Amino acid sequence: MNDKVSLFDPDLHRREATILASRNSTPAEHRQVLDYMESGRIDVSAWPTEYAVPEKMEQRFPKWLCREAGVVKTIIDWS
């Protein structure tokens, strides 16, 4: 297992990137959470806050980057 990550610092600053991380979890824990979501024990209906079709992505993308807009998760409908 590799426990080190290497990033080129100037690229991060130039792009004003934000790095987010989460704790490690086991495959069994992931399966349990998925089971809860699939069974409705965890309500995920409020998570997607925006829906878009691919043709509108470029137009709507600036809003997705604006924290004040309150967009948490966007679902792209490719159908």
PDB file of N, CA and C in Angstrom:
ATOM      1  N   MET A   1       0.844  -1.183   0.000  1.00  0.00           N
ATOM      2  CA  MET A   1       0.000   0.000   0.000  1.00  0.00           C
ATOM      3  C   MET A   1       0.887   1.243   0.000  1.00  0.00           C
ATOM      4  N   ASN A   2       0.536   2.214  -0.851  1.00  0.00           N
ATOM      5  CA  ASN A   2       1.278   3.461  -0.926  1.00  0.00           C
ATOM      6  C   ASN A   2       0.569   4.501  -0.064  1.00  0.00           C
ATOM      7  N   ASP A   3       1.263   5.029   0.933  1.00  0.00           N
ATOM      8  CA  ASP A   3       0.632   5.994   1.829  1.00  0.00           C
ATOM      9  C   ASP A   3       1.119   7.418   1.576  1.00  0.00           C
ATOM     10  N   LYS A   4       1.743   7.666   0.417  1.00  0.00           N
ATOM     11  CA  LYS A   4       2.240   8.998   0.096  1.00  0.00           C
ATOM     12  C   LYS A   4       1.646   9.469  -1.221  1.00  0.00           C
ATOM     13  N   VAL A   5       1.363  10.760  -1.259  1.00  0.00           N
ATOM     14  CA  VAL A   5       0.848  11.383  -2.468  1.00  0.00           C
ATOM     15  C   VAL A   5       1.779  12.536  -2.806  1.00  0.00           C
ATOM     16  N   SER A   6       2.123  12.652  -4.066  1.00  0.00           N
ATOM     17  CA  SER A   6       2.997  13.730  -4.509  1.00  0.00           C
ATOM     18  C   SER A   6       2.231  14.645  -5.450  1.00  0.00           C
ATOM     19  N   LEU A   7       2.240  15.936  -5.152  1.00  0.00           N
ATOM     20  CA  LEU A   7       1.548  16.922  -5.974  1.00  0.00           C
ATOM     21  C   LEU A   7       2.516  18.049  -6.311  1.00  0.00           C
ATOM     22  N   PHE A   8       2.414  18.575  -7.518  1.00  0.00           N
ATOM     23  CA  PHE A   8       3.264  19.685  -7.928  1.00  0.00           C
ATOM     24  C   PHE A   8       2.620  20.977  -7.434  1.00  0.00           C
ATOM     25  N   ASP A   9       3.192  21.562  -6.392  1.00  0.00           N
ATOM     26  CA  ASP A   9       2.625  22.702  -5.693  1.00  0.00           C
ATOM     27  C   ASP A   9       2.296  23.891  -6.603  1.00  0.00           C
ATOM     28  N   PRO A  10       3.169  24.298  -7.524  1.00  0.00           N
ATOM     29  CA  PRO A  10       2.817  25.445  -8.383  1.00  0.00           C
ATOM     30  C   PRO A  10       1.531  25.229  -9.185  1.00  0.00           C
ATOM     31  N   ASP A  11       1.276  24.000  -9.621  1.00  0.00           N
ATOM     32  CA  ASP A  11       0.031  23.731 -10.346  1.00  0.00           C
ATOM     33  C   ASP A  11      -1.183  23.966  -9.459  1.00  0.00           C
ATOM     34  N   LEU A  12      -1.077  23.588  -8.203  1.00  0.00           N
ATOM     35  CA  LEU A  12      -2.199  23.787  -7.274  1.00  0.00           C
ATOM     36  C   LEU A  12      -2.463  25.269  -7.048  1.00  0.00           C
ATOM     37  N   HIS A  13      -1.405  26.041  -6.865  1.00  0.00           N
ATOM     38  CA  HIS A  13      -1.578  27.470  -6.636  1.00  0.00           C
ATOM     39  C   HIS A  13      -2.097  28.180  -7.880  1.00  0.00           C
ATOM     40  N   ARG A  14      -1.565  27.826  -9.030  1.00  0.00           N
ATOM     41  CA  ARG A  14      -1.979  28.473 -10.275  1.00  0.00           C
ATOM     42  C   ARG A  14      -3.476  28.243 -10.524  1.00  0.00           C
ATOM     43  N   ARG A  15      -3.933  27.049 -10.250  1.00  0.00           N
ATOM     44  CA  ARG A  15      -5.338  26.715 -10.480  1.00  0.00           C
ATOM     45  C   ARG A  15      -6.218  27.073  -9.284  1.00  0.00           C
ATOM     46  N   GLU A  16      -5.607  27.555  -8.198  1.00  0.00           N
ATOM     47  CA  GLU A  16      -6.330  27.832  -6.957  1.00  0.00           C
ATOM     48  C   GLU A  16      -7.158  26.621  -6.551  1.00  0.00           C
ATOM     49  N   ALA A  17      -6.519  25.475  -6.589  1.00  0.00           N
ATOM     50  CA  ALA A  17      -7.193  24.208  -6.315  1.00  0.00           C
ATOM     51  C   ALA A  17      -7.444  24.021  -4.821  1.00  0.00           C
ATOM     52  N   THR A  18      -8.491  23.290  -4.544  1.00  0.00           N
ATOM     53  CA  THR A  18      -8.816  22.891  -3.185  1.00  0.00           C
ATOM     54  C   THR A  18      -8.710  21.379  -3.117  1.00  0.00           C
ATOM     55  N   ILE A  19      -8.040  20.879  -2.113  1.00  0.00           N
ATOM     56  CA  ILE A  19      -7.893  19.442  -1.944  1.00  0.00           C
ATOM     57  C   ILE A  19      -8.773  19.013  -0.772  1.00  0.00           C
ATOM     58  N   LEU A  20      -9.639  18.061  -1.052  1.00  0.00           N
ATOM     59  CA  LEU A  20     -10.495  17.507  -0.013  1.00  0.00           C
ATOM     60  C   LEU A  20     -10.169  16.029   0.131  1.00  0.00           C
ATOM     61  N   ALA A  21     -10.262  15.534   1.315  1.00  0.00           N
ATOM     62  CA  ALA A  21      -9.987  14.124   1.551  1.00  0.00           C
ATOM     63  C   ALA A  21     -10.987  13.580   2.564  1.00  0.00           C
ATOM     64  N   SER A  22     -11.082  12.286   2.584  1.00  0.00           N
ATOM     65  CA  SER A  22     -11.935  11.650   3.572  1.00  0.00           C
ATOM     66  C   SER A  22     -11.175  10.476   4.171  1.00  0.00           C
ATOM     67  N   ARG A  23     -11.694   9.966   5.230  1.00  0.00           N
ATOM     68  CA  ARG A  23     -11.014   8.852   5.883  1.00  0.00           C
ATOM     69  C   ARG A  23     -11.165   7.589   5.057  1.00  0.00           C
ATOM     70  N   ASN A  24     -10.292   6.685   5.276  1.00  0.00           N
ATOM     71  CA  ASN A  24     -10.394   5.391   4.606  1.00  0.00           C
ATOM     72  C   ASN A  24     -11.529   4.598   5.223  1.00  0.00           C
ATOM     73  N   SER A  25     -12.187   3.826   4.409  1.00  0.00           N
ATOM     74  CA  SER A  25     -13.194   2.912   4.920  1.00  0.00           C
ATOM     75  C   SER A  25     -13.054   1.589   4.183  1.00  0.00           C
ATOM     76  N   THR A  26     -13.623   0.591   4.766  1.00  0.00           N
ATOM     77  CA  THR A  26     -13.471  -0.753   4.209  1.00  0.00           C
ATOM     78  C   THR A  26     -14.549  -1.017   3.157  1.00  0.00           C
ATOM     79  N   PRO A  27     -14.327  -2.005   2.288  1.00  0.00           N
ATOM     80  CA  PRO A  27     -15.373  -2.377   1.335  1.00  0.00           C
ATOM     81  C   PRO A  27     -16.685  -2.752   2.035  1.00  0.00           C
ATOM     82  N   ALA A  28     -16.593  -3.385   3.182  1.00  0.00           N
ATOM     83  CA  ALA A  28     -17.803  -3.755   3.923  1.00  0.00           C
ATOM     84  C   ALA A  28     -18.566  -2.506   4.378  1.00  0.00           C
ATOM     85  N   GLU A  29     -17.857  -1.483   4.803  1.00  0.00           N
ATOM     86  CA  GLU A  29     -18.517  -0.240   5.206  1.00  0.00           C
ATOM     87  C   GLU A  29     -19.185   0.434   4.014  1.00  0.00           C
ATOM     88  N   HIS A  30     -18.518   0.422   2.868  1.00  0.00           N
ATOM     89  CA  HIS A  30     -19.121   0.984   1.656  1.00  0.00           C
ATOM     90  C   HIS A  30     -20.395   0.223   1.290  1.00  0.00           C
ATOM     91  N   ARG A  31     -20.326  -1.083   1.346  1.00  0.00           N
ATOM     92  CA  ARG A  31     -21.496  -1.909   1.017  1.00  0.00           C
ATOM     93  C   ARG A  31     -22.646  -1.602   1.969  1.00  0.00           C
ATOM     94  N   GLN A  32     -22.338  -1.434   3.250  1.00  0.00           N
ATOM     95  CA  GLN A  32     -23.381  -1.137   4.241  1.00  0.00           C
ATOM     96  C   GLN A  32     -24.056   0.204   3.927  1.00  0.00           C
ATOM     97  N   VAL A  33     -23.273   1.217   3.604  1.00  0.00           N
ATOM     98  CA  VAL A  33     -23.847   2.520   3.270  1.00  0.00           C
ATOM     99  C   VAL A  33     -24.695   2.420   2.006  1.00  0.00           C
ATOM    100  N   LEU A  34     -24.198   1.718   0.989  1.00  0.00           N
ATOM    101  CA  LEU A  34     -24.985   1.531  -0.230  1.00  0.00           C
ATOM    102  C   LEU A  34     -26.289   0.799   0.053  1.00  0.00           C
ATOM    103  N   ASP A  35     -26.225  -0.218   0.901  1.00  0.00           N
ATOM    104  CA  ASP A  35     -27.436  -0.936   1.290  1.00  0.00           C
ATOM    105  C   ASP A  35     -28.438   0.004   1.972  1.00  0.00           C
ATOM    106  N   TYR A  36     -27.944   0.863   2.873  1.00  0.00           N
ATOM    107  CA  TYR A  36     -28.817   1.828   3.547  1.00  0.00           C
ATOM    108  C   TYR A  36     -29.456   2.783   2.536  1.00  0.00           C
ATOM    109  N   MET A  37     -28.666   3.241   1.571  1.00  0.00           N
ATOM    110  CA  MET A  37     -29.191   4.151   0.556  1.00  0.00           C
ATOM    111  C   MET A  37     -30.232   3.456  -0.310  1.00  0.00           C
ATOM    112  N   GLU A  38     -29.928   2.245  -0.752  1.00  0.00           N
ATOM    113  CA  GLU A  38     -30.843   1.509  -1.618  1.00  0.00           C
ATOM    114  C   GLU A  38     -32.135   1.131  -0.915  1.00  0.00           C
ATOM    115  N   SER A  39     -32.066   0.864   0.373  1.00  0.00           N
ATOM    116  CA  SER A  39     -33.259   0.472   1.120  1.00  0.00           C
ATOM    117  C   SER A  39     -34.072   1.667   1.616  1.00  0.00           C
ATOM    118  N   GLY A  40     -33.535   2.874   1.468  1.00  0.00           N
ATOM    119  CA  GLY A  40     -34.241   4.063   1.920  1.00  0.00           C
ATOM    120  C   GLY A  40     -33.956   4.452   3.351  1.00  0.00           C
ATOM    121  N   ARG A  41     -33.089   3.711   4.026  1.00  0.00           N
ATOM    122  CA  ARG A  41     -32.754   4.068   5.421  1.00  0.00           C
ATOM    123  C   ARG A  41     -31.980   5.376   5.475  1.00  0.00           C
ATOM    124  N   ILE A  42     -31.282   5.700   4.400  1.00  0.00           N
ATOM    125  CA  ILE A  42     -30.642   7.007   4.257  1.00  0.00           C
ATOM    126  C   ILE A  42     -31.354   7.704   3.107  1.00  0.00           C
ATOM    127  N   ASP A  43     -31.933   8.857   3.373  1.00  0.00           N
ATOM    128  CA  ASP A  43     -32.656   9.608   2.349  1.00  0.00           C
ATOM    129  C   ASP A  43     -31.661  10.474   1.581  1.00  0.00           C
ATOM    130  N   VAL A  44     -31.473  10.164   0.316  1.00  0.00           N
ATOM    131  CA  VAL A  44     -30.527  10.913  -0.508  1.00  0.00           C
ATOM    132  C   VAL A  44     -31.244  11.841  -1.494  1.00  0.00           C
ATOM    133  N   SER A  45     -32.548  11.962  -1.378  1.00  0.00           N
ATOM    134  CA  SER A  45     -33.310  12.741  -2.352  1.00  0.00           C
ATOM    135  C   SER A  45     -32.903  14.213  -2.383  1.00  0.00           C
ATOM    136  N   ALA A  46     -32.416  14.751  -1.285  1.00  0.00           N
ATOM    137  CA  ALA A  46     -32.040  16.161  -1.248  1.00  0.00           C
ATOM    138  C   ALA A  46     -30.615  16.407  -1.761  1.00  0.00           C
ATOM    139  N   TRP A  47     -29.847  15.379  -1.964  1.00  0.00           N
ATOM    140  CA  TRP A  47     -28.442  15.566  -2.370  1.00  0.00           C
ATOM    141  C   TRP A  47     -28.297  16.215  -3.732  1.00  0.00           C
ATOM    142  N   PRO A  48     -28.951  15.700  -4.776  1.00  0.00           N
ATOM    143  CA  PRO A  48     -28.827  16.423  -6.051  1.00  0.00           C
ATOM    144  C   PRO A  48     -29.625  17.717  -5.959  1.00  0.00           C
ATOM    145  N   THR A  49     -28.979  18.836  -6.202  1.00  0.00           N
ATOM    146  CA  THR A  49     -29.654  20.124  -6.122  1.00  0.00           C
ATOM    147  C   THR A  49     -29.876  20.729  -7.487  1.00  0.00           C
ATOM    148  N   GLU A  50     -29.370  20.084  -8.513  1.00  0.00           N
ATOM    149  CA  GLU A  50     -29.508  20.615  -9.864  1.00  0.00           C
ATOM    150  C   GLU A  50     -29.450  19.467 -10.860  1.00  0.00           C
ATOM    151  N   TYR A  51     -30.210  19.619 -11.934  1.00  0.00           N
ATOM    152  CA  TYR A  51     -30.224  18.642 -13.018  1.00  0.00           C
ATOM    153  C   TYR A  51     -29.936  19.380 -14.317  1.00  0.00           C
ATOM    154  N   ALA A  52     -29.211  18.739 -15.222  1.00  0.00           N
ATOM    155  CA  ALA A  52     -28.881  19.378 -16.497  1.00  0.00           C
ATOM    156  C   ALA A  52     -28.736  18.327 -17.583  1.00  0.00           C
ATOM    157  N   VAL A  53     -28.936  18.775 -18.802  1.00  0.00           N
ATOM    158  CA  VAL A  53     -28.651  17.933 -19.962  1.00  0.00           C
ATOM    159  C   VAL A  53     -27.293  18.370 -20.497  1.00  0.00           C
ATOM    160  N   PRO A  54     -26.586  17.480 -21.196  1.00  0.00           N
ATOM    161  CA  PRO A  54     -25.238  17.823 -21.665  1.00  0.00           C
ATOM    162  C   PRO A  54     -25.178  19.133 -22.453  1.00  0.00           C
ATOM    163  N   GLU A  55     -26.209  19.427 -23.223  1.00  0.00           N
ATOM    164  CA  GLU A  55     -26.202  20.639 -24.043  1.00  0.00           C
ATOM    165  C   GLU A  55     -26.184  21.920 -23.207  1.00  0.00           C
ATOM    166  N   LYS A  56     -26.598  21.842 -21.959  1.00  0.00           N
ATOM    167  CA  LYS A  56     -26.657  23.025 -21.090  1.00  0.00           C
ATOM    168  C   LYS A  56     -25.489  23.109 -20.100  1.00  0.00           C
ATOM    169  N   MET A  57     -24.609  22.127 -20.120  1.00  0.00           N
ATOM    170  CA  MET A  57     -23.529  22.087 -19.128  1.00  0.00           C
ATOM    171  C   MET A  57     -22.637  23.324 -19.197  1.00  0.00           C
ATOM    172  N   GLU A  58     -22.205  23.690 -20.393  1.00  0.00           N
ATOM    173  CA  GLU A  58     -21.293  24.833 -20.515  1.00  0.00           C
ATOM    174  C   GLU A  58     -21.947  26.117 -20.001  1.00  0.00           C
ATOM    175  N   GLN A  59     -23.209  26.294 -20.292  1.00  0.00           N
ATOM    176  CA  GLN A  59     -23.938  27.482 -19.852  1.00  0.00           C
ATOM    177  C   GLN A  59     -24.096  27.502 -18.328  1.00  0.00           C
ATOM    178  N   ARG A  60     -24.341  26.352 -17.718  1.00  0.00           N
ATOM    179  CA  ARG A  60     -24.642  26.298 -16.287  1.00  0.00           C
ATOM    180  C   ARG A  60     -23.409  26.096 -15.406  1.00  0.00           C
ATOM    181  N   PHE A  61     -22.294  25.725 -16.001  1.00  0.00           N
ATOM    182  CA  PHE A  61     -21.095  25.420 -15.217  1.00  0.00           C
ATOM    183  C   PHE A  61     -20.664  26.552 -14.294  1.00  0.00           C
ATOM    184  N   PRO A  62     -20.668  27.820 -14.725  1.00  0.00           N
ATOM    185  CA  PRO A  62     -20.264  28.890 -13.797  1.00  0.00           C
ATOM    186  C   PRO A  62     -21.079  28.909 -12.504  1.00  0.00           C
ATOM    187  N   LYS A  63     -22.370  28.596 -12.603  1.00  0.00           N
ATOM    188  CA  LYS A  63     -23.204  28.548 -11.393  1.00  0.00           C
ATOM    189  C   LYS A  63     -22.731  27.440 -10.469  1.00  0.00           C
ATOM    190  N   TRP A  64     -22.338  26.314 -11.040  1.00  0.00           N
ATOM    191  CA  TRP A  64     -21.903  25.181 -10.224  1.00  0.00           C
ATOM    192  C   TRP A  64     -20.646  25.510  -9.437  1.00  0.00           C
ATOM    193  N   LEU A  65     -19.853  26.428  -9.934  1.00  0.00           N
ATOM    194  CA  LEU A  65     -18.617  26.809  -9.254  1.00  0.00           C
ATOM    195  C   LEU A  65     -18.828  27.892  -8.203  1.00  0.00           C
ATOM    196  N   CYS A  66     -19.995  28.506  -8.198  1.00  0.00           N
ATOM    197  CA  CYS A  66     -20.284  29.598  -7.272  1.00  0.00           C
ATOM    198  C   CYS A  66     -20.870  29.039  -5.975  1.00  0.00           C
ATOM    199  N   ARG A  67     -20.107  29.109  -4.924  1.00  0.00           N
ATOM    200  CA  ARG A  67     -20.537  28.556  -3.639  1.00  0.00           C
ATOM    201  C   ARG A  67     -21.871  29.152  -3.180  1.00  0.00           C
ATOM    202  N   GLU A  68     -22.057  30.445  -3.436  1.00  0.00           N
ATOM    203  CA  GLU A  68     -23.273  31.119  -2.994  1.00  0.00           C
ATOM    204  C   GLU A  68     -24.524  30.571  -3.688  1.00  0.00           C
ATOM    205  N   ALA A  69     -24.372  29.930  -4.833  1.00  0.00           N
ATOM    206  CA  ALA A  69     -25.519  29.380  -5.556  1.00  0.00           C
ATOM    207  C   ALA A  69     -26.117  28.178  -4.837  1.00  0.00           C
ATOM    208  N   GLY A  70     -25.346  27.564  -3.949  1.00  0.00           N
ATOM    209  CA  GLY A  70     -25.857  26.455  -3.153  1.00  0.00           C
ATOM    210  C   GLY A  70     -25.981  25.137  -3.893  1.00  0.00           C
ATOM    211  N   VAL A  71     -25.289  24.998  -5.006  1.00  0.00           N
ATOM    212  CA  VAL A  71     -25.336  23.738  -5.740  1.00  0.00           C
ATOM    213  C   VAL A  71     -24.462  22.720  -5.022  1.00  0.00           C
ATOM    214  N   VAL A  72     -25.067  21.637  -4.597  1.00  0.00           N
ATOM    215  CA  VAL A  72     -24.336  20.593  -3.876  1.00  0.00           C
ATOM    216  C   VAL A  72     -23.909  19.500  -4.837  1.00  0.00           C
ATOM    217  N   LYS A  73     -24.843  19.015  -5.629  1.00  0.00           N
ATOM    218  CA  LYS A  73     -24.547  17.951  -6.579  1.00  0.00           C
ATOM    219  C   LYS A  73     -25.454  18.137  -7.786  1.00  0.00           C
ATOM    220  N   THR A  74     -24.843  18.055  -8.960  1.00  0.00           N
ATOM    221  CA  THR A  74     -25.608  18.175 -10.198  1.00  0.00           C
ATOM    222  C   THR A  74     -25.659  16.814 -10.874  1.00  0.00           C
ATOM    223  N   ILE A  75     -26.821  16.462 -11.349  1.00  0.00           N
ATOM    224  CA  ILE A  75     -27.012  15.222 -12.094  1.00  0.00           C
ATOM    225  C   ILE A  75     -27.091  15.593 -13.576  1.00  0.00           C
ATOM    226  N   ILE A  76     -26.252  14.958 -14.396  1.00  0.00           N
ATOM    227  CA  ILE A  76     -26.289  15.163 -15.834  1.00  0.00           C
ATOM    228  C   ILE A  76     -27.119  14.029 -16.443  1.00  0.00           C
ATOM    229  N   ASP A  77     -28.160  14.398 -17.154  1.00  0.00           N
ATOM    230  CA  ASP A  77     -29.044  13.418 -17.772  1.00  0.00           C
ATOM    231  C   ASP A  77     -28.567  13.154 -19.199  1.00  0.00           C
ATOM    232  N   TRP A  78     -27.912  12.018 -19.390  1.00  0.00           N
ATOM    233  CA  TRP A  78     -27.354  11.649 -20.690  1.00  0.00           C
ATOM    234  C   TRP A  78     -28.351  10.863 -21.541  1.00  0.00           C
ATOM    235  N   SER A  79     -29.560  10.641 -21.045  1.00  0.00           N
ATOM    236  CA  SER A  79     -30.512   9.821 -21.809  1.00  0.00           C
ATOM    237  C   SER A  79     -31.096  10.540 -23.002  1.00  0.00           C
TER     238      SER A  79
END
